[in-house]
Amino acid sequence: MVASSNKSITVYKSMFKSYPDVVDIPALCEMLNISRHTAYRIIDEGRISCIKVGRAYRITKVDIIKFLVNQS
């Protein structure tokens, strides 16, 4: 089980190589191929951890990878 999880993390890290370590909502939407509405819903439900800076949300690439691993 742990080996499978580590393999998944390695795959996702290579997928998101071109993205910075911290992204905003538009980048999250692009990374996950989801709508802006869905991105905000996932954040509001607490399924992806984020930091709010002023009015903007910032999401770490690590949290996006954790979200994807937990979905599989």
C-alpha atoms as a PDB file:
ATOM      1  CA  MET A   1       0.000   0.000   0.000  1.00  0.00           C
ATOM      2  CA  VAL A   2       2.788   2.436   0.897  1.00  0.00           C
ATOM      3  CA  ALA A   3       4.747   1.559  -2.258  1.00  0.00           C
ATOM      4  CA  SER A   4       1.679   2.303  -4.367  1.00  0.00           C
ATOM      5  CA  SER A   5       1.201   5.652  -2.640  1.00  0.00           C
ATOM      6  CA  ASN A   6       4.866   6.611  -3.131  1.00  0.00           C
ATOM      7  CA  LYS A   7       4.645   5.674  -6.811  1.00  0.00           C
ATOM      8  CA  SER A   8       1.533   7.849  -7.192  1.00  0.00           C
ATOM      9  CA  ILE A   9       3.273  10.803  -5.567  1.00  0.00           C
ATOM     10  CA  THR A  10       6.258  10.410  -7.909  1.00  0.00           C
ATOM     11  CA  VAL A  11       3.965  10.343 -10.938  1.00  0.00           C
ATOM     12  CA  TYR A  12       2.044  13.445  -9.850  1.00  0.00           C
ATOM     13  CA  LYS A  13       5.239  15.358  -9.073  1.00  0.00           C
ATOM     14  CA  SER A  14       6.494  14.718 -12.583  1.00  0.00           C
ATOM     15  CA  MET A  15       3.113  15.800 -14.001  1.00  0.00           C
ATOM     16  CA  PHE A  16       3.234  19.179 -12.271  1.00  0.00           C
ATOM     17  CA  LYS A  17       6.914  19.947 -12.846  1.00  0.00           C
ATOM     18  CA  SER A  18       6.154  23.097 -14.846  1.00  0.00           C
ATOM     19  CA  TYR A  19       4.045  24.621 -12.048  1.00  0.00           C
ATOM     20  CA  PRO A  20       5.424  26.608  -9.087  1.00  0.00           C
ATOM     21  CA  ASP A  21       5.278  25.164  -5.568  1.00  0.00           C
ATOM     22  CA  VAL A  22       2.355  27.449  -4.675  1.00  0.00           C
ATOM     23  CA  VAL A  23      -0.453  28.113  -7.148  1.00  0.00           C
ATOM     24  CA  ASP A  24      -3.612  30.184  -7.367  1.00  0.00           C
ATOM     25  CA  ILE A  25      -7.147  29.149  -8.356  1.00  0.00           C
ATOM     26  CA  PRO A  26      -6.660  29.479 -12.146  1.00  0.00           C
ATOM     27  CA  ALA A  27      -3.548  27.274 -11.997  1.00  0.00           C
ATOM     28  CA  LEU A  28      -5.389  24.749  -9.792  1.00  0.00           C
ATOM     29  CA  CYS A  29      -8.167  24.597 -12.376  1.00  0.00           C
ATOM     30  CA  GLU A  30      -5.644  24.010 -15.128  1.00  0.00           C
ATOM     31  CA  MET A  31      -3.759  21.350 -13.157  1.00  0.00           C
ATOM     32  CA  LEU A  32      -6.890  19.361 -12.331  1.00  0.00           C
ATOM     33  CA  ASN A  33      -8.833  20.257 -15.481  1.00  0.00           C
ATOM     34  CA  ILE A  34     -11.782  21.498 -13.422  1.00  0.00           C
ATOM     35  CA  SER A  35     -13.962  24.595 -13.474  1.00  0.00           C
ATOM     36  CA  ARG A  36     -13.455  27.559 -11.177  1.00  0.00           C
ATOM     37  CA  HIS A  37     -16.740  26.695  -9.450  1.00  0.00           C
ATOM     38  CA  THR A  38     -15.523  23.143  -8.738  1.00  0.00           C
ATOM     39  CA  ALA A  39     -12.180  24.439  -7.438  1.00  0.00           C
ATOM     40  CA  TYR A  40     -13.908  26.723  -4.933  1.00  0.00           C
ATOM     41  CA  ARG A  41     -16.275  23.915  -3.900  1.00  0.00           C
ATOM     42  CA  ILE A  42     -13.347  21.536  -3.234  1.00  0.00           C
ATOM     43  CA  ILE A  43     -11.637  24.226  -1.152  1.00  0.00           C
ATOM     44  CA  ASP A  44     -14.831  25.126   0.754  1.00  0.00           C
ATOM     45  CA  GLU A  45     -15.401  21.442   1.562  1.00  0.00           C
ATOM     46  CA  GLY A  46     -11.852  21.245   2.960  1.00  0.00           C
ATOM     47  CA  ARG A  47     -10.795  18.541   0.501  1.00  0.00           C
ATOM     48  CA  ILE A  48      -7.733  20.605  -0.495  1.00  0.00           C
ATOM     49  CA  SER A  49      -5.867  22.648   2.095  1.00  0.00           C
ATOM     50  CA  CYS A  50      -5.128  26.228   1.177  1.00  0.00           C
ATOM     51  CA  ILE A  51      -4.001  29.545   2.557  1.00  0.00           C
ATOM     52  CA  LYS A  52      -5.988  32.714   2.025  1.00  0.00           C
ATOM     53  CA  VAL A  53      -3.857  35.792   1.415  1.00  0.00           C
ATOM     54  CA  GLY A  54      -6.122  38.809   1.363  1.00  0.00           C
ATOM     55  CA  ARG A  55      -8.856  37.821  -1.077  1.00  0.00           C
ATOM     56  CA  ALA A  56      -6.745  35.265  -2.942  1.00  0.00           C
ATOM     57  CA  TYR A  57      -6.330  31.579  -2.246  1.00  0.00           C
ATOM     58  CA  ARG A  58      -2.907  29.935  -2.458  1.00  0.00           C
ATOM     59  CA  ILE A  59      -2.609  26.182  -2.728  1.00  0.00           C
ATOM     60  CA  THR A  60       0.620  24.234  -2.404  1.00  0.00           C
ATOM     61  CA  LYS A  61       1.509  21.672  -5.028  1.00  0.00           C
ATOM     62  CA  VAL A  62       1.986  19.142  -2.209  1.00  0.00           C
ATOM     63  CA  ASP A  63      -1.637  19.613  -1.110  1.00  0.00           C
ATOM     64  CA  ILE A  64      -2.852  19.113  -4.679  1.00  0.00           C
ATOM     65  CA  ILE A  65      -0.849  15.889  -4.931  1.00  0.00           C
ATOM     66  CA  LYS A  66      -2.264  14.699  -1.583  1.00  0.00           C
ATOM     67  CA  PHE A  67      -5.769  15.433  -2.858  1.00  0.00           C
ATOM     68  CA  LEU A  68      -5.154  13.382  -5.994  1.00  0.00           C
ATOM     69  CA  VAL A  69      -3.623  10.467  -4.097  1.00  0.00           C
ATOM     70  CA  ASN A  70      -6.592  10.401  -1.721  1.00  0.00           C
ATOM     71  CA  GLN A  71      -9.006  10.352  -4.660  1.00  0.00           C
ATOM     72  CA  SER A  72      -7.558   7.132  -6.070  1.00  0.00           C
END
